[in-house]
Amino acid sequence: MERPERRKDLPWLRQVSSFFASRVILTANNFRIFDHLAGSGKTAELLSRTLTSDVRATELLLNSLVAIGLLRKKKDIYRNAPAASRYLVSGKPQYQGDIIRHYSTLWDNWSGLDTVLKTGKPSRKTHDHESFILGMHNLALLRVAKVLAGIDLRGVKRILDLGGGPGTYAMSLAQKGRQVTIMDFPETLKIARKLIRRSGLSDRITLLAGDFTSDDLGTGYDLIFISQIFHAYDEAACISMLRKSYAALNPGGRVVVQEFLLDETRTAPPWGALFAINMLVNTPGGRTYTPREMVTWMKKAGFREAEHSLLDESILISATKK
């Protein structure tokens, strides 16, 4: 009989079933269960009437959310745990429900990975653009202060946020007194415009609709920020963005790239390697890239003095125009 201590090499087996908890959270978020349980909470029966859901199924789902740690149960009443109250109730400052809705659409696409492995082509069965862009806003809110603390803004007046999405970083930069232009696709800027108006920063932020991989970026920028864009494109498109950025910068201007961290073996850390599969499933040529690859592209585009700094799950790489 195999000795129990030999089973220490089986943590991957537990990961195989980790989708159990993932699907429970995705479904709970889709039904806005955490919104419904805010405050004094509800019984499973009362919540099922609100959701028009099956009572037995609702109770089992709620019990699993208690086990996960997102709900608390006292007698028959279910209430949000502190983490759910902070991150999963609509309207809270650090709300993450939009990105979780985006993950729910990714679930459908990832289910086609077997086919993707055979064909090499993406399996984009579903896409909810609003939840994707608002989800980027959710995530950026958690890291914007640390990211911007890593960027030297001395002497910087005009900034281009290339592929700036919901405008989270642009709004924070505008609050620091900079004039910011966001360039992104028209359907994305419709969402960004609403968030920017709500922030009262419309006079400091310009929205430039276009394809940042091919259209003109304008000129006269002191800094161009490219955050979490490269991984959605192939190498040729990334180099093209950098060359266009070089042309758009003032002499001595800088490009700053934020991307997922991936070491030179392309196998660690786990999140960086796994996110490459997300790009395999959802894009024709995207993946995560190593610092050496991105610095090489910068040099090809004409930049010099490239340097990088590590954040929690990402890396900042900056380089200067001659």
Protein backbone atom coordinates (compact mmCIF):
# COMPACT_ATOMS: atom_id res chain seq x y z
CA MET A 1 0.00 0.00 0.00
CA GLU A 2 1.32 3.44 -0.92
CA ARG A 3 2.46 5.52 2.04
CA PRO A 4 0.21 8.59 2.72
CA GLU A 5 3.12 11.06 2.68
CA ARG A 6 3.70 10.25 -1.00
CA ARG A 7 0.41 11.98 -1.76
CA LYS A 8 2.01 15.37 -1.35
CA ASP A 9 2.53 15.31 -5.11
CA LEU A 10 -1.24 15.46 -5.77
CA PRO A 11 -2.26 19.13 -5.24
CA TRP A 12 -2.93 19.39 -8.98
CA LEU A 13 -5.72 16.84 -8.56
CA ARG A 14 -7.58 19.19 -6.22
CA GLN A 15 -7.20 21.95 -8.82
CA VAL A 16 -9.05 19.83 -11.35
CA SER A 17 -12.24 20.23 -9.32
CA SER A 18 -11.65 23.87 -8.39
CA PHE A 19 -14.24 24.79 -11.01
CA PHE A 20 -16.91 23.66 -8.51
CA ALA A 21 -16.40 26.75 -6.36
CA SER A 22 -15.82 28.95 -9.40
CA ARG A 23 -19.14 28.03 -10.99
CA VAL A 24 -20.99 28.57 -7.70
CA ILE A 25 -19.62 32.11 -7.40
CA LEU A 26 -20.30 32.91 -11.06
CA THR A 27 -23.91 31.77 -10.78
CA ALA A 28 -24.47 33.60 -7.49
CA ASN A 29 -23.14 36.77 -9.06
CA ASN A 30 -25.25 36.33 -12.20
CA PHE A 31 -28.36 36.14 -10.00
CA ARG A 32 -27.12 39.12 -7.90
CA ILE A 33 -27.53 37.03 -4.77
CA PHE A 34 -25.12 39.25 -2.82
CA ASP A 35 -27.23 42.32 -3.61
CA HIS A 36 -30.33 40.51 -2.40
CA LEU A 37 -28.65 39.42 0.84
CA ALA A 38 -27.24 42.84 1.71
CA GLY A 39 -28.48 44.11 5.05
CA SER A 40 -30.45 41.76 7.28
CA GLY A 41 -30.25 38.76 4.94
CA LYS A 42 -32.91 36.27 3.88
CA THR A 43 -33.93 32.64 4.22
CA ALA A 44 -33.42 30.36 1.25
CA GLU A 45 -37.18 30.17 0.75
CA LEU A 46 -37.61 33.95 0.70
CA LEU A 47 -34.65 34.42 -1.62
CA SER A 48 -35.96 31.74 -4.00
CA ARG A 49 -39.26 33.65 -4.27
CA THR A 50 -37.33 36.84 -5.07
CA LEU A 51 -35.22 35.07 -7.68
CA THR A 52 -38.07 32.87 -8.94
CA SER A 53 -35.68 29.96 -8.47
CA ASP A 54 -36.06 26.42 -7.12
CA VAL A 55 -36.02 26.35 -3.30
CA ARG A 56 -33.88 23.22 -2.95
CA ALA A 57 -31.35 24.43 -5.51
CA THR A 58 -31.20 27.87 -3.86
CA GLU A 59 -30.56 26.42 -0.41
CA LEU A 60 -27.78 24.14 -1.66
CA LEU A 61 -26.13 27.04 -3.49
CA LEU A 62 -26.32 29.26 -0.40
CA ASN A 63 -24.83 26.53 1.78
CA SER A 64 -21.92 26.17 -0.62
CA LEU A 65 -21.34 29.94 -0.51
CA VAL A 66 -21.18 29.68 3.29
CA ALA A 67 -18.60 26.91 2.92
CA ILE A 68 -16.57 29.07 0.52
CA GLY A 69 -16.67 31.94 3.02
CA LEU A 70 -18.74 34.48 1.09
CA LEU A 71 -21.92 34.05 3.19
CA ARG A 72 -22.71 33.49 6.84
CA LYS A 73 -25.60 31.41 8.13
CA LYS A 74 -27.38 31.80 11.45
CA LYS A 75 -30.31 29.46 11.93
CA ASP A 76 -32.08 29.77 8.55
CA ILE A 77 -30.91 33.30 7.70
CA TYR A 78 -28.13 33.85 5.14
CA ARG A 79 -26.14 37.10 5.16
CA ASN A 80 -23.13 38.39 3.26
CA ALA A 81 -19.75 37.81 4.84
CA PRO A 82 -17.45 40.89 5.01
CA ALA A 83 -15.66 40.03 1.75
CA ALA A 84 -18.96 39.74 -0.13
CA SER A 85 -20.23 42.99 1.38
CA ARG A 86 -17.07 44.77 0.28
CA TYR A 87 -16.57 43.37 -3.23
CA LEU A 88 -19.82 41.81 -4.45
CA VAL A 89 -22.59 44.29 -3.61
CA SER A 90 -23.42 46.72 -6.41
CA GLY A 91 -22.40 50.31 -5.81
CA LYS A 92 -19.64 49.56 -3.32
CA PRO A 93 -16.35 51.42 -4.08
CA GLN A 94 -14.40 48.20 -4.69
CA TYR A 95 -17.18 46.27 -6.45
CA GLN A 96 -15.93 43.31 -8.51
CA GLY A 97 -19.21 41.95 -9.86
CA ASP A 98 -18.62 43.16 -13.42
CA ILE A 99 -15.36 41.27 -13.83
CA ILE A 100 -17.02 38.16 -12.40
CA ARG A 101 -19.78 38.52 -15.01
CA HIS A 102 -17.02 38.71 -17.62
CA TYR A 103 -15.52 35.51 -16.20
CA SER A 104 -18.93 33.89 -16.66
CA THR A 105 -18.75 34.58 -20.41
CA LEU A 106 -15.18 33.29 -20.45
CA TRP A 107 -16.47 30.05 -18.96
CA ASP A 108 -18.35 29.37 -22.20
CA ASN A 109 -15.30 30.17 -24.32
CA TRP A 110 -12.88 28.11 -22.23
CA SER A 111 -15.19 25.12 -22.67
CA GLY A 112 -13.97 25.02 -26.26
CA LEU A 113 -10.30 24.56 -25.33
CA ASP A 114 -10.24 20.99 -26.66
CA THR A 115 -11.15 22.28 -30.11
CA VAL A 116 -8.75 25.23 -29.82
CA LEU A 117 -5.90 22.81 -29.15
CA LYS A 118 -6.68 21.00 -32.41
CA THR A 119 -7.22 24.06 -34.60
CA GLY A 120 -5.16 26.81 -32.96
CA LYS A 121 -8.10 29.15 -33.56
CA PRO A 122 -10.03 31.01 -30.82
CA SER A 123 -13.34 29.78 -29.44
CA ARG A 124 -15.17 33.01 -28.73
CA LYS A 125 -18.68 31.67 -28.33
CA THR A 126 -19.95 34.57 -26.21
CA HIS A 127 -18.87 38.11 -25.40
CA ASP A 128 -20.44 40.80 -23.24
CA HIS A 129 -18.50 43.96 -24.03
CA GLU A 130 -20.01 46.02 -21.23
CA SER A 131 -19.16 43.51 -18.50
CA PHE A 132 -15.66 43.16 -19.99
CA ILE A 133 -14.93 46.91 -19.93
CA LEU A 134 -16.59 47.51 -16.56
CA GLY A 135 -14.71 44.45 -15.30
CA MET A 136 -11.44 46.12 -16.32
CA HIS A 137 -12.60 49.09 -14.25
CA ASN A 138 -13.27 46.80 -11.26
CA LEU A 139 -9.76 45.35 -11.41
CA ALA A 140 -8.01 48.65 -12.09
CA LEU A 141 -9.64 50.23 -9.03
CA LEU A 142 -7.81 47.68 -6.87
CA ARG A 143 -4.36 48.47 -8.30
CA VAL A 144 -4.43 52.00 -9.75
CA ALA A 145 -2.73 53.67 -6.76
CA LYS A 146 0.17 51.21 -6.73
CA VAL A 147 0.62 51.31 -10.51
CA LEU A 148 0.70 55.09 -10.73
CA ALA A 149 3.06 55.26 -7.76
CA GLY A 150 5.51 53.34 -9.94
CA ILE A 151 5.40 55.88 -12.79
CA ASP A 152 7.59 59.00 -12.72
CA LEU A 153 5.28 61.87 -13.68
CA ARG A 154 7.80 64.68 -13.22
CA GLY A 155 7.69 67.01 -16.21
CA VAL A 156 4.74 65.14 -17.72
CA LYS A 157 1.84 67.32 -18.90
CA ARG A 158 0.16 65.43 -21.73
CA ILE A 159 -0.51 61.69 -21.55
CA LEU A 160 -1.97 59.21 -24.03
CA ASP A 161 -3.67 56.22 -22.44
CA LEU A 162 -3.48 53.78 -25.34
CA GLY A 163 -6.34 51.30 -25.20
CA GLY A 164 -7.44 52.98 -21.99
CA GLY A 165 -10.71 51.07 -21.75
CA PRO A 166 -13.00 52.41 -19.00
CA GLY A 167 -10.61 55.27 -18.23
CA THR A 168 -9.75 54.24 -14.68
CA TYR A 169 -6.07 55.14 -15.00
CA ALA A 170 -6.86 58.25 -17.07
CA MET A 171 -9.17 59.57 -14.35
CA SER A 172 -6.53 59.08 -11.67
CA LEU A 173 -3.92 60.80 -13.86
CA ALA A 174 -6.31 63.67 -14.53
CA GLN A 175 -6.84 64.06 -10.78
CA LYS A 176 -3.06 64.57 -10.57
CA GLY A 177 -3.37 67.58 -12.90
CA ARG A 178 -2.42 65.95 -16.20
CA GLN A 179 -4.23 66.30 -19.51
CA VAL A 180 -5.06 62.81 -20.70
CA THR A 181 -6.25 61.41 -24.02
CA ILE A 182 -7.80 57.94 -24.11
CA MET A 183 -7.64 56.15 -27.44
CA ASP A 184 -9.88 53.13 -27.82
CA PHE A 185 -12.62 51.64 -29.94
CA PRO A 186 -15.91 53.62 -30.16
CA GLU A 187 -18.00 51.01 -28.29
CA THR A 188 -15.51 51.12 -25.43
CA LEU A 189 -15.44 54.90 -25.24
CA LYS A 190 -19.25 54.98 -24.84
CA ILE A 191 -18.75 53.21 -21.51
CA ALA A 192 -15.72 55.29 -20.54
CA ARG A 193 -17.61 58.53 -21.24
CA LYS A 194 -20.27 57.65 -18.67
CA LEU A 195 -17.70 56.89 -15.97
CA ILE A 196 -15.71 60.04 -16.74
CA ARG A 197 -18.81 62.26 -16.63
CA ARG A 198 -19.70 60.75 -13.28
CA SER A 199 -16.22 61.63 -11.99
CA GLY A 200 -16.50 65.27 -13.08
CA LEU A 201 -13.23 65.07 -15.05
CA SER A 202 -14.54 65.50 -18.60
CA ASP A 203 -12.67 68.78 -19.05
CA ARG A 204 -9.30 67.07 -18.43
CA ILE A 205 -9.81 63.94 -20.53
CA THR A 206 -10.10 63.74 -24.32
CA LEU A 207 -11.63 60.68 -25.97
CA LEU A 208 -10.08 59.63 -29.28
CA ALA A 209 -11.99 56.92 -31.11
CA GLY A 210 -9.98 54.60 -33.33
CA ASP A 211 -8.01 51.40 -33.75
CA PHE A 212 -4.79 51.93 -31.79
CA THR A 213 -3.05 49.18 -33.75
CA SER A 214 -3.43 51.02 -37.07
CA ASP A 215 -4.81 54.57 -36.74
CA ASP A 216 -2.84 57.76 -36.11
CA LEU A 217 -2.26 58.46 -32.41
CA GLY A 218 -1.68 62.20 -32.66
CA THR A 219 1.47 63.94 -31.41
CA GLY A 220 2.86 66.00 -28.56
CA TYR A 221 2.61 63.50 -25.73
CA ASP A 222 5.08 63.42 -22.84
CA LEU A 223 4.06 59.91 -21.80
CA ILE A 224 2.15 57.06 -23.42
CA PHE A 225 0.67 54.46 -21.09
CA ILE A 226 -0.10 51.01 -22.54
CA SER A 227 -1.78 48.97 -19.82
CA GLN A 228 -2.70 45.30 -20.29
CA ILE A 229 -2.99 45.62 -24.08
CA PHE A 230 -0.06 43.65 -25.50
CA HIS A 231 -1.36 40.26 -24.36
CA ALA A 232 -4.38 40.56 -26.68
CA TYR A 233 -2.19 40.89 -29.80
CA ASP A 234 0.60 39.13 -31.64
CA GLU A 235 4.19 40.34 -31.70
CA ALA A 236 3.87 42.29 -34.97
CA ALA A 237 0.92 44.31 -33.65
CA CYS A 238 2.74 45.08 -30.39
CA ILE A 239 5.81 46.35 -32.23
CA SER A 240 3.55 48.45 -34.46
CA MET A 241 1.95 50.05 -31.38
CA LEU A 242 5.38 50.89 -30.00
CA ARG A 243 6.58 52.40 -33.27
CA LYS A 244 3.44 54.54 -33.50
CA SER A 245 3.94 55.54 -29.87
CA TYR A 246 7.54 56.53 -30.57
CA ALA A 247 6.38 58.83 -33.37
CA ALA A 248 3.66 60.36 -31.18
CA LEU A 249 5.96 61.24 -28.25
CA ASN A 250 7.87 64.46 -27.71
CA PRO A 251 11.69 64.11 -27.65
CA GLY A 252 12.61 62.67 -24.27
CA GLY A 253 9.08 61.34 -23.82
CA ARG A 254 8.47 57.91 -22.37
CA VAL A 255 6.36 54.86 -23.00
CA VAL A 256 5.21 52.87 -19.96
CA VAL A 257 3.81 49.37 -20.39
CA GLN A 258 1.96 47.42 -17.71
CA GLU A 259 1.59 43.70 -18.41
CA PHE A 260 1.12 40.39 -16.63
CA LEU A 261 4.32 39.01 -15.17
CA LEU A 262 5.81 36.02 -17.00
CA ASP A 263 9.36 34.80 -16.50
CA GLU A 264 11.73 33.94 -19.33
CA THR A 265 10.78 30.23 -19.21
CA ARG A 266 7.15 31.27 -19.91
CA THR A 267 6.03 28.86 -17.18
CA ALA A 268 5.80 31.07 -14.07
CA PRO A 269 4.20 32.61 -12.18
CA PRO A 270 1.12 30.40 -12.68
CA TRP A 271 -1.28 33.28 -13.38
CA GLY A 272 0.90 34.64 -16.18
CA ALA A 273 1.19 31.22 -17.82
CA LEU A 274 -2.52 30.44 -17.43
CA PHE A 275 -3.57 33.82 -18.80
CA ALA A 276 -1.75 32.92 -22.02
CA ILE A 277 -4.39 30.21 -22.44
CA ASN A 278 -7.13 32.80 -21.95
CA MET A 279 -5.65 34.69 -24.89
CA LEU A 280 -5.31 31.47 -26.90
CA VAL A 281 -9.01 30.81 -26.40
CA ASN A 282 -10.20 34.37 -27.03
CA THR A 283 -7.82 35.97 -29.58
CA PRO A 284 -6.22 35.00 -32.91
CA GLY A 285 -2.65 35.72 -31.82
CA GLY A 286 -2.42 36.99 -28.26
CA ARG A 287 -0.53 35.53 -25.30
CA THR A 288 1.43 36.75 -22.31
CA TYR A 289 4.98 37.98 -22.94
CA THR A 290 8.24 38.02 -21.01
CA PRO A 291 10.05 41.24 -20.02
CA ARG A 292 12.88 40.41 -22.42
CA GLU A 293 10.47 40.12 -25.33
CA MET A 294 8.85 43.48 -24.59
CA VAL A 295 12.17 45.27 -24.06
CA THR A 296 13.39 43.87 -27.40
CA TRP A 297 10.32 45.32 -29.10
CA MET A 298 10.96 48.71 -27.51
CA LYS A 299 14.50 48.75 -28.83
CA LYS A 300 13.27 47.80 -32.31
CA ALA A 301 10.87 50.75 -32.14
CA GLY A 302 13.75 53.13 -31.30
CA PHE A 303 13.39 53.46 -27.54
CA ARG A 304 16.34 53.39 -25.15
CA GLU A 305 17.02 53.15 -21.41
CA ALA A 306 14.38 50.49 -20.80
CA GLU A 307 13.84 49.60 -17.16
CA HIS A 308 11.25 47.65 -15.25
CA SER A 309 9.72 47.29 -11.79
CA LEU A 310 7.60 44.49 -10.35
CA LEU A 311 4.12 44.91 -8.91
CA ASP A 312 1.95 42.21 -7.32
CA GLU A 313 0.83 40.34 -10.46
CA SER A 314 2.21 42.59 -13.16
CA ILE A 315 5.31 44.37 -14.39
CA LEU A 316 5.91 47.99 -15.41
CA ILE A 317 8.39 48.54 -18.23
CA SER A 318 9.36 52.07 -19.27
CA ALA A 319 11.60 53.34 -22.04
CA THR A 320 12.60 56.75 -23.38
CA LYS A 321 12.48 58.33 -26.81
CA LYS A 322 15.86 59.62 -28.01
